[in-house]
N, C-alpha and C. Protein backbone atom coordinates (compact mmCIF):
# COMPACT_ATOMS: atom_id res chain seq x y z
N MET A 1 121.10 140.86 159.02
CA MET A 1 119.74 141.31 159.17
C MET A 1 119.66 142.77 158.69
N ILE A 2 118.63 143.08 157.97
CA ILE A 2 118.41 144.44 157.47
C ILE A 2 117.67 145.23 158.54
N ARG A 3 118.20 146.38 158.84
CA ARG A 3 117.60 147.22 159.87
C ARG A 3 116.53 148.10 159.23
N PRO A 4 115.37 148.26 159.87
CA PRO A 4 114.30 149.09 159.32
C PRO A 4 114.73 150.54 159.13
N ALA A 5 115.54 151.08 160.00
CA ALA A 5 116.00 152.46 159.87
C ALA A 5 116.84 152.63 158.61
N ALA A 6 117.67 151.66 158.30
CA ALA A 6 118.51 151.72 157.10
C ALA A 6 117.65 151.66 155.85
N VAL A 7 116.62 150.82 155.87
CA VAL A 7 115.72 150.71 154.72
C VAL A 7 114.98 152.04 154.51
N ALA A 8 114.49 152.62 155.60
CA ALA A 8 113.78 153.89 155.50
C ALA A 8 114.69 154.98 154.95
N THR A 9 115.93 155.02 155.42
CA THR A 9 116.90 156.02 154.94
C THR A 9 117.19 155.82 153.46
N GLY A 10 117.36 154.57 153.06
CA GLY A 10 117.64 154.26 151.66
C GLY A 10 116.48 154.64 150.75
N LEU A 11 115.26 154.33 151.18
CA LEU A 11 114.08 154.69 150.39
C LEU A 11 113.91 156.20 150.30
N THR A 12 114.18 156.90 151.38
CA THR A 12 114.09 158.36 151.37
C THR A 12 115.09 158.95 150.37
N ALA A 13 116.31 158.44 150.40
CA ALA A 13 117.34 158.93 149.47
C ALA A 13 116.95 158.65 148.03
N LEU A 14 116.37 157.48 147.77
CA LEU A 14 115.94 157.13 146.42
C LEU A 14 114.84 158.08 145.94
N VAL A 15 113.84 158.32 146.78
CA VAL A 15 112.74 159.21 146.41
C VAL A 15 113.26 160.62 146.14
N LEU A 16 114.14 161.12 147.00
CA LEU A 16 114.69 162.46 146.81
C LEU A 16 115.51 162.55 145.54
N SER A 17 116.28 161.51 145.24
CA SER A 17 117.09 161.54 144.02
C SER A 17 116.23 161.55 142.78
N LEU A 18 115.05 160.94 142.84
CA LEU A 18 114.14 160.95 141.70
C LEU A 18 113.46 162.31 141.54
N LEU A 19 113.32 163.05 142.62
CA LEU A 19 112.67 164.35 142.56
C LEU A 19 113.61 165.46 142.10
N VAL A 20 114.90 165.31 142.28
CA VAL A 20 115.87 166.36 141.94
C VAL A 20 115.82 166.77 140.48
N PRO A 21 115.78 165.87 139.49
CA PRO A 21 115.71 166.33 138.11
C PRO A 21 114.48 167.19 137.84
N ALA A 22 113.34 166.83 138.41
CA ALA A 22 112.13 167.65 138.20
C ALA A 22 112.32 169.03 138.81
N ALA A 23 112.93 169.10 139.97
CA ALA A 23 113.16 170.40 140.61
C ALA A 23 114.15 171.22 139.81
N ALA A 24 115.14 170.57 139.21
CA ALA A 24 116.15 171.30 138.44
C ALA A 24 115.54 171.95 137.21
N GLU A 25 114.46 171.37 136.67
CA GLU A 25 113.82 171.94 135.50
C GLU A 25 112.67 172.87 135.86
N ALA A 26 112.43 173.08 137.13
CA ALA A 26 111.35 173.96 137.55
C ALA A 26 111.62 175.38 137.09
N CYS A 27 110.58 176.15 136.97
CA CYS A 27 110.70 177.52 136.52
C CYS A 27 111.37 178.37 137.59
N MET A 28 112.45 179.00 137.24
CA MET A 28 113.16 179.88 138.16
C MET A 28 113.11 181.29 137.57
N LEU A 29 112.21 182.11 138.08
CA LEU A 29 112.09 183.49 137.61
C LEU A 29 113.12 184.36 138.32
N PRO A 30 113.55 185.45 137.67
CA PRO A 30 114.48 186.35 138.35
C PRO A 30 113.83 186.93 139.61
N ILE A 31 114.63 187.25 140.59
CA ILE A 31 114.12 187.82 141.83
C ILE A 31 113.40 189.12 141.52
N ASP A 32 114.00 189.97 140.72
CA ASP A 32 113.37 191.22 140.32
C ASP A 32 112.82 191.08 138.91
N GLY A 33 111.54 191.42 138.74
CA GLY A 33 110.94 191.42 137.42
C GLY A 33 111.22 192.74 136.72
N PRO A 34 110.69 192.91 135.50
CA PRO A 34 110.94 194.14 134.76
C PRO A 34 110.55 195.42 135.51
N ALA A 35 109.42 195.42 136.22
CA ALA A 35 108.99 196.65 136.91
C ALA A 35 110.01 197.07 137.96
N GLU A 36 110.50 196.10 138.74
CA GLU A 36 111.50 196.43 139.75
C GLU A 36 112.81 196.89 139.12
N ARG A 37 113.18 196.23 138.04
CA ARG A 37 114.44 196.60 137.38
C ARG A 37 114.32 197.96 136.70
N MET A 38 113.16 198.27 136.12
CA MET A 38 112.97 199.58 135.48
C MET A 38 113.04 200.71 136.50
N ALA A 39 112.64 200.44 137.73
CA ALA A 39 112.62 201.47 138.77
C ALA A 39 114.01 201.79 139.33
N GLU A 40 115.01 201.00 138.99
CA GLU A 40 116.37 201.25 139.48
C GLU A 40 116.92 202.54 138.88
N ASP A 41 118.03 203.02 139.46
CA ASP A 41 118.70 204.20 138.91
C ASP A 41 119.58 203.77 137.74
N TYR A 42 119.42 204.44 136.64
CA TYR A 42 120.22 204.15 135.44
C TYR A 42 120.94 205.40 135.01
N VAL A 43 122.08 205.23 134.38
CA VAL A 43 122.84 206.35 133.82
C VAL A 43 122.09 206.88 132.59
N THR A 44 121.52 205.96 131.81
CA THR A 44 120.83 206.33 130.58
C THR A 44 119.58 205.48 130.40
N VAL A 45 118.49 206.12 130.03
CA VAL A 45 117.27 205.43 129.58
C VAL A 45 116.99 206.00 128.20
N ALA A 46 116.91 205.13 127.21
CA ALA A 46 116.76 205.61 125.83
C ALA A 46 115.71 204.82 125.06
N ILE A 47 115.02 205.54 124.19
CA ILE A 47 114.10 204.91 123.23
C ILE A 47 114.99 204.38 122.11
N VAL A 48 114.79 203.12 121.73
CA VAL A 48 115.60 202.50 120.69
C VAL A 48 114.70 201.79 119.69
N THR A 49 115.23 201.57 118.50
CA THR A 49 114.52 200.84 117.46
C THR A 49 115.28 199.56 117.15
N VAL A 50 114.54 198.46 117.03
CA VAL A 50 115.15 197.17 116.68
C VAL A 50 115.59 197.24 115.22
N VAL A 51 116.89 196.99 114.97
CA VAL A 51 117.40 197.03 113.59
C VAL A 51 117.84 195.66 113.08
N ALA A 52 118.05 194.70 113.98
CA ALA A 52 118.44 193.35 113.55
C ALA A 52 118.13 192.37 114.67
N VAL A 53 117.72 191.15 114.28
CA VAL A 53 117.45 190.08 115.24
C VAL A 53 117.96 188.77 114.65
N ARG A 54 118.69 188.01 115.45
CA ARG A 54 119.18 186.70 115.05
C ARG A 54 118.81 185.70 116.15
N SER A 55 117.91 184.76 115.82
CA SER A 55 117.51 183.74 116.79
C SER A 55 118.52 182.60 116.74
N ARG A 56 118.81 182.04 117.90
CA ARG A 56 119.73 180.90 117.99
C ARG A 56 118.99 179.62 118.39
N ALA A 57 117.66 179.65 118.44
CA ALA A 57 116.87 178.48 118.82
C ALA A 57 115.61 178.46 117.96
N ALA A 58 115.68 177.79 116.83
CA ALA A 58 114.58 177.80 115.88
C ALA A 58 113.27 177.29 116.47
N GLU A 59 113.34 176.29 117.35
CA GLU A 59 112.11 175.73 117.90
C GLU A 59 111.46 176.65 118.93
N ARG A 60 112.22 177.53 119.55
CA ARG A 60 111.69 178.50 120.53
C ARG A 60 112.51 179.78 120.37
N PRO A 61 112.24 180.55 119.34
CA PRO A 61 113.11 181.68 118.99
C PRO A 61 113.26 182.75 120.06
N ASN A 62 112.27 182.94 120.92
CA ASN A 62 112.39 183.98 121.94
C ASN A 62 113.28 183.56 123.10
N ARG A 63 113.67 182.29 123.15
CA ARG A 63 114.50 181.80 124.27
C ARG A 63 115.97 182.13 124.10
N ALA A 64 116.44 182.23 122.87
CA ALA A 64 117.85 182.52 122.64
C ALA A 64 117.98 183.37 121.38
N PHE A 65 118.35 184.62 121.57
CA PHE A 65 118.49 185.50 120.41
C PHE A 65 119.48 186.62 120.70
N GLU A 66 119.92 187.24 119.62
CA GLU A 66 120.73 188.45 119.69
C GLU A 66 119.94 189.52 118.95
N ALA A 67 119.95 190.72 119.50
CA ALA A 67 119.25 191.82 118.83
C ALA A 67 120.12 193.07 118.85
N GLU A 68 119.99 193.87 117.80
CA GLU A 68 120.68 195.16 117.74
C GLU A 68 119.63 196.25 117.73
N PHE A 69 119.95 197.32 118.46
CA PHE A 69 119.03 198.45 118.60
C PHE A 69 119.77 199.73 118.25
N GLU A 70 119.11 200.62 117.55
CA GLU A 70 119.65 201.95 117.26
C GLU A 70 119.05 202.92 118.27
N ILE A 71 119.90 203.72 118.93
CA ILE A 71 119.41 204.71 119.89
C ILE A 71 118.73 205.83 119.11
N ASP A 72 117.45 206.09 119.43
CA ASP A 72 116.69 207.14 118.77
C ASP A 72 116.65 208.42 119.60
N ARG A 73 116.34 208.26 120.90
CA ARG A 73 116.15 209.43 121.75
C ARG A 73 116.43 209.03 123.19
N VAL A 74 117.13 209.91 123.89
CA VAL A 74 117.41 209.68 125.31
C VAL A 74 116.30 210.29 126.15
N VAL A 75 115.73 209.50 127.04
CA VAL A 75 114.68 209.96 127.93
C VAL A 75 115.30 210.48 129.23
N GLU A 76 116.37 209.85 129.66
CA GLU A 76 117.05 210.23 130.89
C GLU A 76 118.54 209.97 130.70
N GLY A 77 119.37 210.94 131.01
CA GLY A 77 120.81 210.77 130.85
C GLY A 77 121.38 211.72 129.82
N HIS A 78 122.59 211.41 129.37
CA HIS A 78 123.30 212.26 128.40
C HIS A 78 122.85 211.98 126.98
N PRO A 79 122.90 213.01 126.11
CA PRO A 79 122.59 212.77 124.69
C PRO A 79 123.55 211.72 124.13
N GLN A 80 123.03 210.80 123.38
CA GLN A 80 123.83 209.72 122.82
C GLN A 80 123.35 209.30 121.45
N SER A 81 124.18 208.54 120.81
CA SER A 81 123.80 207.88 119.57
C SER A 81 124.61 206.60 119.49
N GLY A 82 124.22 205.72 118.62
CA GLY A 82 124.95 204.47 118.46
C GLY A 82 124.03 203.28 118.47
N ARG A 83 124.66 202.11 118.46
CA ARG A 83 123.92 200.85 118.46
C ARG A 83 124.20 200.07 119.73
N LEU A 84 123.17 199.40 120.20
CA LEU A 84 123.28 198.56 121.40
C LEU A 84 123.01 197.12 120.98
N ARG A 85 123.67 196.19 121.67
CA ARG A 85 123.48 194.77 121.39
C ARG A 85 122.95 194.07 122.64
N LEU A 86 121.89 193.31 122.45
CA LEU A 86 121.31 192.50 123.53
C LEU A 86 121.54 191.04 123.18
N TRP A 87 122.16 190.31 124.09
CA TRP A 87 122.33 188.87 123.95
C TRP A 87 121.42 188.25 124.99
N HIS A 88 120.39 187.53 124.55
CA HIS A 88 119.38 187.00 125.47
C HIS A 88 119.33 185.48 125.37
N GLU A 89 119.35 184.82 126.53
CA GLU A 89 119.19 183.37 126.55
C GLU A 89 118.48 182.96 127.83
N GLU A 90 117.41 182.20 127.68
CA GLU A 90 116.68 181.64 128.82
C GLU A 90 116.93 180.15 128.83
N ARG A 91 117.41 179.64 129.94
CA ARG A 91 117.76 178.23 130.03
C ARG A 91 116.79 177.43 130.87
N THR A 92 115.67 177.99 131.23
CA THR A 92 114.71 177.28 132.06
C THR A 92 113.48 176.93 131.25
N GLU A 93 112.56 176.23 131.87
CA GLU A 93 111.30 175.89 131.23
C GLU A 93 110.21 176.88 131.62
N CYS A 94 110.59 178.08 132.00
CA CYS A 94 109.63 179.09 132.41
C CYS A 94 108.78 179.52 131.22
N PRO A 95 107.60 180.06 131.51
CA PRO A 95 106.86 180.69 130.42
C PRO A 95 107.70 181.82 129.83
N ARG A 96 107.42 182.18 128.62
CA ARG A 96 108.18 183.23 127.94
C ARG A 96 108.23 184.49 128.80
N VAL A 97 109.44 184.99 129.01
CA VAL A 97 109.62 186.20 129.81
C VAL A 97 109.87 187.41 128.91
N LEU A 98 110.64 187.26 127.88
CA LEU A 98 110.95 188.38 126.99
C LEU A 98 110.53 188.01 125.58
N PRO A 99 109.72 188.86 124.94
CA PRO A 99 109.30 188.54 123.57
C PRO A 99 110.46 188.68 122.59
N LEU A 100 110.35 187.99 121.49
CA LEU A 100 111.35 188.11 120.43
C LEU A 100 111.16 189.47 119.77
N PRO A 101 112.20 190.30 119.73
CA PRO A 101 112.07 191.60 119.06
C PRO A 101 111.80 191.43 117.56
N VAL A 102 111.14 192.40 117.00
CA VAL A 102 110.84 192.42 115.57
C VAL A 102 111.47 193.70 115.00
N VAL A 103 112.17 193.56 113.89
CA VAL A 103 112.81 194.72 113.27
C VAL A 103 111.77 195.81 113.05
N GLY A 104 112.12 197.03 113.48
CA GLY A 104 111.23 198.18 113.35
C GLY A 104 110.48 198.50 114.63
N GLU A 105 110.40 197.56 115.58
CA GLU A 105 109.70 197.83 116.84
C GLU A 105 110.46 198.84 117.68
N THR A 106 109.72 199.52 118.55
CA THR A 106 110.32 200.47 119.48
C THR A 106 110.43 199.80 120.85
N TRP A 107 111.63 199.84 121.42
CA TRP A 107 111.91 199.27 122.74
C TRP A 107 112.55 200.37 123.58
N VAL A 108 112.79 200.07 124.84
CA VAL A 108 113.46 201.01 125.74
C VAL A 108 114.68 200.32 126.35
N ALA A 109 115.83 200.99 126.26
CA ALA A 109 117.07 200.46 126.83
C ALA A 109 117.36 201.17 128.15
N TYR A 110 117.65 200.39 129.17
CA TYR A 110 118.01 200.89 130.50
C TYR A 110 119.47 200.53 130.71
N LEU A 111 120.32 201.55 130.75
CA LEU A 111 121.78 201.31 130.77
C LEU A 111 122.42 201.78 132.07
N GLN A 112 123.31 200.96 132.58
CA GLN A 112 124.06 201.28 133.80
C GLN A 112 125.31 202.09 133.45
N TRP A 113 125.53 202.35 132.18
CA TRP A 113 126.74 203.04 131.75
C TRP A 113 126.36 204.12 130.74
N ASP A 114 127.27 205.02 130.51
CA ASP A 114 127.08 206.12 129.57
C ASP A 114 127.30 205.57 128.16
N ALA A 115 126.24 205.47 127.39
CA ALA A 115 126.29 204.81 126.08
C ALA A 115 126.66 205.75 124.95
N ARG A 116 127.72 206.45 125.08
CA ARG A 116 128.13 207.36 123.99
C ARG A 116 128.86 206.56 122.92
N GLY A 117 128.09 205.81 122.19
CA GLY A 117 128.64 204.94 121.16
C GLY A 117 128.03 203.56 121.27
N ASP A 118 128.59 202.60 120.56
CA ASP A 118 128.06 201.25 120.54
C ASP A 118 128.45 200.50 121.81
N GLY A 119 127.62 199.50 122.17
CA GLY A 119 127.95 198.69 123.34
C GLY A 119 126.86 197.69 123.67
N PRO A 120 127.12 196.87 124.69
CA PRO A 120 126.15 195.86 125.10
C PRO A 120 125.04 196.46 125.97
N ALA A 121 123.90 195.79 125.98
CA ALA A 121 122.78 196.19 126.83
C ALA A 121 122.18 194.92 127.42
N SER A 122 121.79 194.96 128.68
CA SER A 122 121.19 193.78 129.30
C SER A 122 119.74 194.01 129.70
N ASP A 123 119.34 195.25 129.90
CA ASP A 123 117.96 195.56 130.29
C ASP A 123 117.30 196.36 129.17
N VAL A 124 116.66 195.65 128.26
CA VAL A 124 115.96 196.27 127.13
C VAL A 124 114.60 195.60 127.03
N TRP A 125 113.54 196.42 127.03
CA TRP A 125 112.18 195.88 127.01
C TRP A 125 111.34 196.62 125.98
N PRO A 126 110.26 195.98 125.52
CA PRO A 126 109.36 196.66 124.58
C PRO A 126 108.81 197.95 125.19
N LEU A 127 108.62 198.96 124.36
CA LEU A 127 108.07 200.23 124.83
C LEU A 127 106.73 200.03 125.53
N THR A 128 105.91 199.11 125.03
CA THR A 128 104.61 198.88 125.66
C THR A 128 104.77 198.41 127.11
N TRP A 129 105.83 197.66 127.41
CA TRP A 129 106.09 197.24 128.80
C TRP A 129 106.45 198.45 129.64
N SER A 130 107.31 199.31 129.12
CA SER A 130 107.71 200.51 129.86
C SER A 130 106.52 201.42 130.10
N GLU A 131 105.63 201.53 129.12
CA GLU A 131 104.44 202.36 129.28
C GLU A 131 103.52 201.84 130.38
N ARG A 132 103.55 200.55 130.64
CA ARG A 132 102.71 199.97 131.70
C ARG A 132 103.40 199.90 133.05
N LEU A 133 104.75 199.83 133.07
CA LEU A 133 105.47 199.55 134.31
C LEU A 133 106.40 200.65 134.81
N ASP A 134 106.77 201.59 133.97
CA ASP A 134 107.79 202.58 134.33
C ASP A 134 107.16 203.97 134.45
N ALA A 135 107.34 204.61 135.61
CA ALA A 135 106.77 205.94 135.85
C ALA A 135 107.29 206.97 134.85
N ARG A 136 108.50 206.78 134.30
CA ARG A 136 109.04 207.72 133.31
C ARG A 136 108.14 207.81 132.08
N PHE A 137 107.37 206.74 131.83
CA PHE A 137 106.51 206.66 130.66
C PHE A 137 105.04 206.66 131.04
N GLY A 138 104.73 207.07 132.27
CA GLY A 138 103.35 207.11 132.73
C GLY A 138 102.84 205.79 133.26
N GLY A 139 103.74 204.82 133.44
CA GLY A 139 103.34 203.50 133.91
C GLY A 139 103.22 203.43 135.43
N ASP A 140 102.76 202.30 135.91
CA ASP A 140 102.57 202.05 137.33
C ASP A 140 103.69 201.15 137.84
N PRO A 141 104.63 201.69 138.63
CA PRO A 141 105.74 200.89 139.13
C PRO A 141 105.30 199.74 140.04
N GLU A 142 104.06 199.78 140.53
CA GLU A 142 103.54 198.71 141.38
C GLU A 142 102.96 197.56 140.55
N ALA A 143 102.85 197.75 139.25
CA ALA A 143 102.32 196.70 138.39
C ALA A 143 103.32 195.56 138.29
N GLY A 144 102.87 194.42 137.81
CA GLY A 144 103.74 193.26 137.69
C GLY A 144 103.60 192.61 136.33
N MET A 145 104.20 191.42 136.19
CA MET A 145 104.19 190.70 134.92
C MET A 145 102.76 190.44 134.43
N ARG A 146 101.83 190.17 135.35
CA ARG A 146 100.45 189.89 134.94
C ARG A 146 99.84 191.09 134.23
N ASP A 147 100.34 192.29 134.54
CA ASP A 147 99.83 193.50 133.91
C ASP A 147 100.33 193.68 132.49
N LEU A 148 101.24 192.81 132.05
CA LEU A 148 101.74 192.90 130.68
C LEU A 148 100.88 192.10 129.72
N GLU A 149 100.00 191.27 130.26
CA GLU A 149 99.11 190.48 129.39
C GLU A 149 98.05 191.40 128.81
N PRO A 150 97.67 191.18 127.57
CA PRO A 150 96.62 192.01 126.99
C PRO A 150 95.30 191.81 127.74
N PRO A 151 94.49 192.85 127.85
CA PRO A 151 93.19 192.71 128.52
C PRO A 151 92.32 191.67 127.79
N ASP A 152 91.40 191.04 128.52
CA ASP A 152 90.48 190.07 127.90
C ASP A 152 89.74 190.72 126.77
N GLY A 153 89.60 189.96 125.68
CA GLY A 153 88.87 190.46 124.53
C GLY A 153 89.76 191.09 123.48
N ASP A 154 91.05 191.30 123.81
CA ASP A 154 91.96 191.88 122.79
C ASP A 154 92.60 190.81 121.97
């Protein structure tokens, strides 16, 4: 004889197992967004120029790319020069979080280390983002991702 409790448990397990793949593909945003990360203490904050970009995902180029940046000017930290490399990959179905850099654009690198020479960078954002979110550039540290969208009519 089939027990009703066993049937209910089996059906519950089946329903949950069907929901897991959808949950696994759900958008998982980082705990700290750009504004929170920009507000952290960094050894170096520098204005950089995009000098090279290589996309690794033709169908969604901003999801996986490598970019090289030339240090132009240090805003905070020690005087430096050199090139920085950003390796970026988003593995979720989230809306675009980081735009694809374009050669010649100005970005801002936030470094946890003294960049006296070439090296990797993990926190690099467009200058326009820093101008809206980082107090060093006159931005509002209380602003969020929604504040990065262009105003209506633009």
